N, C-alpha and C. Protein backbone atom coordinates (compact mmCIF):
# COMPACT_ATOMS: atom_id res chain seq x y z
N MET A 1 0.84 -1.17 -0.08
CA MET A 1 0.15 0.07 -0.10
C MET A 1 0.78 1.26 -0.06
N GLN A 2 0.58 2.26 -0.76
CA GLN A 2 1.37 3.41 -0.96
C GLN A 2 0.88 4.56 0.07
N SER A 3 1.88 5.21 0.31
CA SER A 3 1.63 6.50 1.41
C SER A 3 0.98 7.55 0.46
N ILE A 4 0.33 8.52 1.24
CA ILE A 4 -0.17 9.59 0.42
C ILE A 4 0.96 10.39 -0.23
N ALA A 5 2.12 10.51 0.35
CA ALA A 5 3.35 11.07 -0.27
C ALA A 5 3.63 10.37 -1.58
N GLU A 6 3.62 9.15 -1.55
CA GLU A 6 3.95 8.46 -2.89
C GLU A 6 2.85 8.73 -4.00
N LEU A 7 1.58 8.48 -3.34
CA LEU A 7 0.82 8.83 -4.47
C LEU A 7 0.67 10.02 -5.08
N LEU A 8 0.89 11.14 -4.32
CA LEU A 8 1.24 12.67 -4.95
C LEU A 8 2.53 12.54 -5.86
N GLN A 9 3.50 11.89 -5.27
CA GLN A 9 4.69 12.01 -5.90
C GLN A 9 4.68 11.52 -7.51
N GLU A 10 3.74 10.73 -7.69
CA GLU A 10 3.64 9.84 -9.00
C GLU A 10 2.50 10.57 -9.71
N HIS A 11 1.81 11.57 -9.15
CA HIS A 11 0.78 12.35 -9.99
C HIS A 11 1.22 13.40 -10.94
N PRO A 12 0.95 13.54 -12.12
CA PRO A 12 1.50 14.67 -12.92
C PRO A 12 1.21 16.11 -12.50
N PHE A 13 0.30 16.24 -11.60
CA PHE A 13 0.06 17.74 -11.09
C PHE A 13 1.21 18.16 -10.11
N PHE A 14 1.83 17.12 -9.48
CA PHE A 14 2.94 17.43 -8.66
C PHE A 14 4.35 17.28 -9.16
N GLU A 15 4.06 17.01 -10.34
CA GLU A 15 5.44 16.70 -11.15
C GLU A 15 6.62 17.75 -11.11
N GLY A 16 7.78 17.55 -10.60
CA GLY A 16 8.78 18.71 -10.55
C GLY A 16 8.61 19.41 -9.20
N LEU A 17 7.88 19.06 -8.47
CA LEU A 17 7.75 19.69 -6.96
C LEU A 17 8.60 19.41 -6.14
N GLU A 18 9.16 20.07 -5.23
CA GLU A 18 10.32 19.37 -4.39
C GLU A 18 9.82 18.44 -3.44
N PRO A 19 10.62 17.49 -3.04
CA PRO A 19 10.27 16.38 -2.01
C PRO A 19 9.62 16.95 -0.79
N GLU A 20 10.06 17.96 -0.26
CA GLU A 20 9.79 18.62 0.93
C GLU A 20 8.29 19.22 0.84
N TYR A 21 8.28 19.72 -0.29
CA TYR A 21 6.77 20.23 -0.55
C TYR A 21 5.66 19.06 -0.64
N ILE A 22 6.05 17.88 -1.29
CA ILE A 22 5.28 16.76 -1.48
C ILE A 22 4.95 16.30 -0.07
N ALA A 23 6.06 16.42 0.90
CA ALA A 23 5.65 15.71 2.15
C ALA A 23 4.73 16.85 3.01
N LEU A 24 4.88 18.04 2.94
CA LEU A 24 4.05 19.15 3.25
C LEU A 24 2.42 18.99 3.01
N ILE A 25 2.45 18.76 1.67
CA ILE A 25 1.23 18.50 1.18
C ILE A 25 0.40 17.58 1.55
N ALA A 26 1.30 16.33 1.55
CA ALA A 26 0.59 14.71 1.99
C ALA A 26 0.19 14.95 3.35
N GLY A 27 0.82 15.67 4.37
CA GLY A 27 0.41 15.99 5.64
C GLY A 27 -1.10 16.35 5.79
N CYS A 28 -1.48 17.01 4.52
CA CYS A 28 -3.04 17.39 4.55
C CYS A 28 -3.89 16.48 4.03
N GLY A 29 -3.57 15.16 3.50
CA GLY A 29 -4.22 14.26 2.67
C GLY A 29 -4.83 13.07 3.32
N GLU A 30 -5.73 12.51 2.77
CA GLU A 30 -6.16 11.15 3.31
C GLU A 30 -6.93 10.67 2.08
N ASN A 31 -6.97 9.25 2.05
CA ASN A 31 -7.76 8.37 1.06
C ASN A 31 -9.16 8.55 1.24
N VAL A 32 -10.16 8.75 0.33
CA VAL A 32 -11.34 8.59 0.40
C VAL A 32 -12.10 7.80 -0.65
N ALA A 33 -13.25 7.52 -0.47
CA ALA A 33 -14.04 6.73 -1.76
C ALA A 33 -15.63 7.05 -1.49
N PHE A 34 -15.97 7.03 -2.64
CA PHE A 34 -17.39 7.55 -2.76
C PHE A 34 -18.12 6.57 -3.74
N ARG A 35 -19.37 6.35 -3.36
CA ARG A 35 -20.27 5.34 -3.84
C ARG A 35 -20.83 5.93 -5.06
N GLU A 36 -21.42 5.08 -6.36
CA GLU A 36 -22.02 5.59 -7.39
C GLU A 36 -23.04 6.57 -6.91
N ASP A 37 -23.17 7.60 -7.75
CA ASP A 37 -24.26 8.76 -7.54
C ASP A 37 -24.06 9.35 -6.17
N GLU A 38 -23.02 9.36 -5.61
CA GLU A 38 -22.79 10.05 -3.97
C GLU A 38 -22.26 11.27 -4.57
N PHE A 39 -22.76 12.49 -3.87
CA PHE A 39 -22.26 13.63 -4.23
C PHE A 39 -21.08 13.99 -3.45
N ILE A 40 -19.97 14.43 -4.06
CA ILE A 40 -18.90 14.55 -3.47
C ILE A 40 -18.81 16.02 -2.77
N PHE A 41 -19.56 17.04 -3.39
CA PHE A 41 -19.91 18.58 -2.84
C PHE A 41 -20.79 18.95 -3.90
N ARG A 42 -21.64 19.94 -3.01
CA ARG A 42 -22.66 20.62 -3.74
C ARG A 42 -22.37 22.14 -3.91
N GLU A 43 -22.96 22.60 -4.80
CA GLU A 43 -22.79 23.98 -5.01
C GLU A 43 -23.42 24.71 -3.76
N GLY A 44 -22.61 25.86 -3.34
CA GLY A 44 -23.03 26.78 -2.30
C GLY A 44 -22.38 26.06 -0.97
N GLU A 45 -22.01 24.93 -1.02
CA GLU A 45 -21.53 24.33 0.33
C GLU A 45 -20.10 24.86 0.42
N PRO A 46 -19.43 24.94 1.85
CA PRO A 46 -18.06 25.21 2.00
C PRO A 46 -17.24 24.40 1.29
N ALA A 47 -16.01 25.19 0.76
CA ALA A 47 -15.23 24.26 -0.20
C ALA A 47 -13.92 24.13 0.82
N GLU A 48 -13.62 22.97 1.14
CA GLU A 48 -12.53 22.85 2.13
C GLU A 48 -11.50 21.89 1.63
N ARG A 49 -11.78 21.26 0.61
CA ARG A 49 -10.93 20.20 0.13
C ARG A 49 -10.66 20.28 -1.38
N PHE A 50 -9.70 19.51 -1.92
CA PHE A 50 -9.78 19.15 -3.30
C PHE A 50 -9.16 17.91 -3.42
N TYR A 51 -9.37 17.32 -4.68
CA TYR A 51 -9.38 15.74 -4.84
C TYR A 51 -8.37 15.42 -5.79
N ILE A 52 -7.57 14.52 -5.77
CA ILE A 52 -6.83 13.73 -6.84
C ILE A 52 -7.41 12.49 -7.10
N VAL A 53 -8.45 12.49 -8.28
CA VAL A 53 -9.07 11.35 -8.56
C VAL A 53 -8.05 9.91 -8.87
N ARG A 54 -8.13 9.02 -8.11
CA ARG A 54 -7.26 7.85 -8.29
C ARG A 54 -7.99 6.79 -9.18
N HIS A 55 -9.15 6.85 -8.97
CA HIS A 55 -10.04 5.77 -9.85
C HIS A 55 -11.54 6.14 -9.96
N GLY A 56 -12.06 6.01 -11.10
CA GLY A 56 -13.40 6.41 -11.10
C GLY A 56 -13.57 7.73 -12.02
N ARG A 57 -14.93 8.24 -12.06
CA ARG A 57 -15.46 9.39 -12.80
C ARG A 57 -16.01 10.22 -11.78
N VAL A 58 -16.04 11.56 -11.91
CA VAL A 58 -16.83 12.37 -11.42
C VAL A 58 -17.58 13.61 -12.33
N ALA A 59 -18.84 13.61 -12.09
CA ALA A 59 -19.40 14.59 -13.13
C ALA A 59 -19.61 15.89 -12.37
N LEU A 60 -19.03 17.08 -13.11
CA LEU A 60 -19.18 18.26 -12.54
C LEU A 60 -20.65 18.72 -13.23
N GLN A 61 -21.46 19.22 -12.33
CA GLN A 61 -22.60 19.72 -12.99
C GLN A 61 -23.18 20.92 -12.04
N THR A 62 -24.26 21.65 -12.99
CA THR A 62 -25.00 22.92 -12.45
C THR A 62 -26.34 22.42 -12.57
N HIS A 63 -27.26 23.31 -11.94
CA HIS A 63 -28.59 23.04 -12.02
C HIS A 63 -29.02 24.12 -13.00
N VAL A 64 -29.93 23.74 -13.98
CA VAL A 64 -30.43 24.70 -14.99
C VAL A 64 -31.89 24.80 -14.98
N PRO A 65 -32.28 25.94 -14.44
CA PRO A 65 -33.95 26.10 -14.32
C PRO A 65 -34.54 25.37 -15.46
N GLY A 66 -35.73 24.64 -15.11
CA GLY A 66 -36.30 24.16 -16.15
C GLY A 66 -35.76 23.07 -17.05
N ARG A 67 -34.70 22.65 -16.68
CA ARG A 67 -34.01 21.50 -17.37
C ARG A 67 -33.17 20.75 -16.36
N GLY A 68 -33.12 21.05 -15.17
CA GLY A 68 -32.43 20.07 -14.33
C GLY A 68 -31.02 20.16 -14.23
N PRO A 69 -30.40 19.02 -13.72
CA PRO A 69 -28.93 19.21 -13.76
C PRO A 69 -28.06 19.10 -15.33
N LEU A 70 -27.06 19.86 -15.40
CA LEU A 70 -26.40 19.77 -16.71
C LEU A 70 -24.84 19.33 -16.42
N VAL A 71 -24.46 18.33 -16.84
CA VAL A 71 -23.17 17.80 -16.70
C VAL A 71 -22.32 19.03 -17.43
N ILE A 72 -21.29 19.87 -16.87
CA ILE A 72 -20.28 20.68 -17.30
C ILE A 72 -19.10 19.91 -17.97
N GLU A 73 -18.75 18.80 -17.36
CA GLU A 73 -17.47 18.17 -17.60
C GLU A 73 -17.37 16.86 -16.74
N THR A 74 -16.64 15.95 -17.16
CA THR A 74 -16.51 14.69 -16.61
C THR A 74 -14.97 14.63 -16.18
N ILE A 75 -14.85 14.38 -14.74
CA ILE A 75 -13.38 14.39 -14.23
C ILE A 75 -12.92 12.86 -14.01
N SER A 76 -11.87 12.39 -14.61
CA SER A 76 -11.40 10.87 -14.75
C SER A 76 -10.23 10.80 -13.94
N GLU A 77 -10.07 9.50 -13.56
CA GLU A 77 -8.71 9.02 -12.98
C GLU A 77 -7.66 9.89 -13.59
N GLY A 78 -6.79 10.41 -12.57
CA GLY A 78 -5.68 11.08 -12.80
C GLY A 78 -6.01 12.68 -12.77
N ASP A 79 -7.19 13.05 -12.81
CA ASP A 79 -7.55 14.51 -12.77
C ASP A 79 -7.46 15.12 -11.43
N VAL A 80 -7.44 16.52 -11.37
CA VAL A 80 -7.58 17.19 -10.01
C VAL A 80 -9.02 17.83 -9.92
N LEU A 81 -9.82 17.65 -8.89
CA LEU A 81 -11.23 18.16 -8.85
C LEU A 81 -11.11 19.12 -7.66
N GLY A 82 -11.59 20.37 -8.08
CA GLY A 82 -11.93 21.28 -7.04
C GLY A 82 -10.76 22.53 -7.08
N TRP A 83 -11.24 23.89 -6.94
CA TRP A 83 -10.29 24.73 -6.76
C TRP A 83 -10.95 25.88 -6.08
N SER A 84 -12.24 25.61 -5.65
CA SER A 84 -12.88 26.60 -4.79
C SER A 84 -12.35 27.30 -3.30
N TRP A 85 -11.57 26.01 -2.95
CA TRP A 85 -11.01 26.15 -1.71
C TRP A 85 -9.93 27.25 -1.57
N LEU A 86 -9.51 27.59 -2.91
CA LEU A 86 -8.35 28.65 -3.23
C LEU A 86 -8.85 29.97 -3.02
N PHE A 87 -10.09 30.22 -3.10
CA PHE A 87 -10.53 31.71 -3.53
C PHE A 87 -11.81 31.95 -2.40
N PRO A 88 -11.73 32.96 -1.61
CA PRO A 88 -12.91 33.31 -0.88
C PRO A 88 -14.24 33.64 -1.74
N PRO A 89 -15.23 33.37 -1.34
CA PRO A 89 -15.86 33.02 -0.08
C PRO A 89 -15.59 31.48 0.32
N TYR A 90 -14.81 30.77 -0.42
CA TYR A 90 -14.38 29.24 -0.27
C TYR A 90 -15.95 28.39 -0.25
N LEU A 91 -16.50 28.70 -1.34
CA LEU A 91 -17.81 27.79 -1.54
C LEU A 91 -17.74 27.27 -2.98
N TRP A 92 -18.38 25.98 -3.01
CA TRP A 92 -18.30 25.32 -4.40
C TRP A 92 -19.17 25.97 -5.09
N SER A 93 -18.75 26.06 -6.67
CA SER A 93 -19.58 26.74 -7.54
C SER A 93 -20.33 25.75 -8.49
N SER A 94 -20.18 24.54 -8.17
CA SER A 94 -20.86 23.53 -8.75
C SER A 94 -20.89 22.20 -8.08
N ASP A 95 -21.70 21.37 -8.61
CA ASP A 95 -22.02 20.02 -7.76
C ASP A 95 -21.12 19.08 -8.44
N ALA A 96 -20.52 18.08 -7.38
CA ALA A 96 -19.83 17.08 -8.04
C ALA A 96 -20.25 15.57 -7.80
N ARG A 97 -20.61 14.86 -8.60
CA ARG A 97 -21.22 13.61 -8.28
C ARG A 97 -20.30 12.31 -8.87
N ALA A 98 -20.05 11.37 -8.11
CA ALA A 98 -19.62 10.34 -8.44
C ALA A 98 -20.35 9.25 -9.47
N VAL A 99 -19.67 9.16 -10.74
CA VAL A 99 -20.37 8.48 -11.80
C VAL A 99 -20.57 6.99 -11.46
N GLY A 100 -19.47 6.44 -10.82
CA GLY A 100 -19.40 5.08 -10.30
C GLY A 100 -18.63 5.06 -9.16
N VAL A 101 -18.23 3.86 -8.58
CA VAL A 101 -17.31 3.94 -7.35
C VAL A 101 -16.03 4.79 -7.65
N THR A 102 -15.71 5.76 -6.89
CA THR A 102 -14.46 6.58 -7.20
C THR A 102 -13.87 6.58 -6.00
N ARG A 103 -12.42 6.50 -6.14
CA ARG A 103 -11.43 6.80 -5.01
C ARG A 103 -10.41 8.10 -5.20
N ALA A 104 -10.27 8.59 -4.17
CA ALA A 104 -9.35 9.68 -4.53
C ALA A 104 -8.48 10.12 -3.38
N VAL A 105 -7.68 10.86 -3.41
CA VAL A 105 -6.73 11.41 -2.29
C VAL A 105 -7.48 12.68 -2.03
N ALA A 106 -8.00 13.09 -0.87
CA ALA A 106 -8.57 14.47 -0.59
C ALA A 106 -7.45 15.19 0.08
N LEU A 107 -7.43 16.38 -0.16
CA LEU A 107 -6.57 17.22 0.30
C LEU A 107 -7.21 18.30 0.94
N ASP A 108 -6.77 18.71 2.12
CA ASP A 108 -7.62 19.76 3.19
C ASP A 108 -7.12 21.20 2.69
N GLY A 109 -8.00 21.79 2.25
CA GLY A 109 -7.57 23.24 1.61
C GLY A 109 -7.14 24.15 2.66
N VAL A 110 -7.96 23.86 3.79
CA VAL A 110 -7.77 24.89 4.97
C VAL A 110 -6.05 24.61 5.60
N CYS A 111 -5.73 23.52 5.77
CA CYS A 111 -4.48 23.07 5.92
C CYS A 111 -3.50 23.45 4.95
N LEU A 112 -3.83 23.47 3.75
CA LEU A 112 -2.97 23.90 2.77
C LEU A 112 -2.73 25.07 2.52
N ARG A 113 -3.89 26.14 2.74
CA ARG A 113 -3.79 27.48 2.74
C ARG A 113 -2.94 28.13 3.76
N GLY A 114 -3.14 27.55 4.91
CA GLY A 114 -2.13 27.88 6.09
C GLY A 114 -0.55 27.48 5.84
N LYS A 115 -0.33 26.41 5.17
CA LYS A 115 1.12 26.04 4.72
C LYS A 115 1.65 26.99 3.45
N CYS A 116 0.55 27.38 2.59
CA CYS A 116 1.02 28.40 1.57
C CYS A 116 1.22 29.70 2.06
N ASP A 117 0.26 30.15 3.10
CA ASP A 117 0.60 31.39 3.86
C ASP A 117 1.89 31.59 4.52
N ALA A 118 2.29 30.52 5.10
CA ALA A 118 3.65 30.40 5.65
C ALA A 118 4.72 30.26 4.66
N ASP A 119 4.66 29.75 3.51
CA ASP A 119 5.68 29.49 2.61
C ASP A 119 5.17 30.07 1.17
N PRO A 120 5.34 31.48 0.98
CA PRO A 120 4.74 31.82 -0.31
C PRO A 120 5.15 31.27 -1.50
N ARG A 121 6.39 30.60 -1.50
CA ARG A 121 6.90 29.82 -2.65
C ARG A 121 5.92 28.63 -2.76
N LEU A 122 5.61 27.97 -1.83
CA LEU A 122 4.93 26.73 -2.20
C LEU A 122 3.40 27.28 -2.63
N GLY A 123 2.94 28.58 -2.12
CA GLY A 123 1.57 29.09 -2.43
C GLY A 123 1.74 29.38 -4.14
N TYR A 124 2.82 29.86 -4.49
CA TYR A 124 3.00 30.25 -6.00
C TYR A 124 2.76 28.88 -6.80
N GLU A 125 3.78 28.04 -6.35
CA GLU A 125 3.52 26.66 -7.09
C GLU A 125 2.30 26.17 -7.05
N LEU A 126 1.60 26.13 -6.26
CA LEU A 126 0.13 25.70 -6.21
C LEU A 126 -0.64 26.36 -7.09
N MET A 127 -0.58 27.81 -6.92
CA MET A 127 -1.46 28.71 -7.67
C MET A 127 -1.26 28.55 -9.31
N ARG A 128 0.07 28.40 -9.42
CA ARG A 128 0.57 28.27 -10.95
C ARG A 128 0.01 26.99 -11.37
N ARG A 129 0.09 25.97 -10.74
CA ARG A 129 -0.52 24.48 -11.15
C ARG A 129 -2.15 24.61 -11.54
N PHE A 130 -2.69 25.34 -10.27
CA PHE A 130 -4.20 25.38 -10.44
C PHE A 130 -4.67 26.11 -11.51
N ALA A 131 -3.81 27.50 -11.96
CA ALA A 131 -4.27 28.36 -12.91
C ALA A 131 -4.49 27.38 -14.30
N ARG A 132 -3.55 26.62 -14.40
CA ARG A 132 -3.69 25.82 -15.81
C ARG A 132 -4.80 24.91 -15.59
N ILE A 133 -5.15 24.24 -14.63
CA ILE A 133 -6.51 23.56 -14.48
C ILE A 133 -7.87 24.55 -14.51
N ILE A 134 -7.64 25.80 -13.95
CA ILE A 134 -8.90 26.52 -13.96
C ILE A 134 -9.00 26.89 -15.60
N MET A 135 -8.01 27.29 -16.11
CA MET A 135 -7.93 27.85 -17.86
C MET A 135 -8.38 26.53 -18.65
N ASP A 136 -8.11 25.38 -18.38
CA ASP A 136 -8.69 24.18 -19.00
C ASP A 136 -10.06 23.76 -18.70
N ARG A 137 -10.60 24.22 -17.55
CA ARG A 137 -12.07 23.76 -17.37
C ARG A 137 -12.76 24.80 -17.94
N LEU A 138 -12.40 26.05 -17.73
CA LEU A 138 -13.05 27.26 -18.33
C LEU A 138 -13.42 27.18 -19.79
N SER A 139 -12.15 26.66 -20.49
CA SER A 139 -12.31 26.49 -21.96
C SER A 139 -13.30 25.26 -22.46
N ALA A 140 -13.18 24.08 -21.43
CA ALA A 140 -14.08 22.94 -21.85
C ALA A 140 -15.46 23.54 -21.53
N THR A 141 -15.70 24.39 -20.59
CA THR A 141 -17.16 24.93 -20.06
C THR A 141 -17.72 25.72 -21.43
N ARG A 142 -16.64 26.40 -21.78
CA ARG A 142 -17.21 27.13 -23.14
C ARG A 142 -17.55 26.28 -24.22
N VAL A 143 -16.76 25.33 -24.56
CA VAL A 143 -17.17 24.42 -25.44
C VAL A 143 -18.37 23.90 -25.45
N ARG A 144 -18.59 23.45 -24.13
CA ARG A 144 -19.91 22.71 -23.71
C ARG A 144 -21.09 23.57 -23.93
N LEU A 145 -20.82 24.78 -23.66
CA LEU A 145 -22.05 25.84 -23.66
C LEU A 145 -22.36 26.07 -25.29
N LEU A 146 -21.25 26.12 -25.90
CA LEU A 146 -21.37 26.32 -27.45
C LEU A 146 -22.00 25.13 -28.13
N ASP A 147 -21.85 24.03 -27.47
CA ASP A 147 -22.67 22.73 -28.12
C ASP A 147 -24.07 22.78 -27.62
N ILE A 148 -24.45 23.39 -26.31
CA ILE A 148 -25.88 23.30 -26.12
C ILE A 148 -26.42 24.42 -26.47
N TYR A 149 -25.83 25.66 -26.70
CA TYR A 149 -26.73 27.00 -26.98
C TYR A 149 -26.32 27.65 -28.42
N GLY A 150 -25.35 26.85 -28.80
CA GLY A 150 -24.87 27.41 -30.29
C GLY A 150 -25.86 27.59 -31.34
N ASN A 151 -26.91 26.45 -31.40
CA ASN A 151 -27.87 26.73 -32.29
C ASN A 151 -29.24 27.37 -32.15
N VAL A 152 -29.03 27.83 -31.06
CA VAL A 152 -30.42 28.68 -30.56
C VAL A 152 -30.16 30.14 -31.25
N PRO A 153 -31.30 30.45 -31.95
CA PRO A 153 -31.45 31.66 -32.49
C PRO A 153 -31.10 32.85 -31.43
N VAL A 154 -30.69 33.85 -31.84
CA VAL A 154 -30.46 35.22 -30.87
C VAL A 154 -31.61 36.05 -31.23
N SER A 155 -32.50 36.34 -30.40
CA SER A 155 -33.61 37.39 -30.48
C SER A 155 -33.05 38.84 -30.16
């Protein structure tokens, strides 16, 4: 069985990060599992963690009035889930639901924010890495919205 530090060391998100930072981050982590259709988080709830998905898939979704839940993106094994823990007011901006049995490393955002405040270099490294994820997710959301609403006539 691998330690949290070993799992993080092998993940592309943490590639090139100094071993002492991996150890600091691992101190904020734990293994978690979710059942099929279990909500990992819901829009508007406090965002206190982020996840490294090790197995399974997670649907990021939002509620659309008159349509119900709309899947924005599906997060898979190897992906990082959640960045709302980084930005006040630290609330989730969407729902995340396990598509099947899903296992992940959960990292405590409150713990990590404290470590980043104490070591701005660590904070910069994490922010730089999350900025890439945020850019990719926003781009994917834009494409998804064009797929849904691109053929709607403008009045």
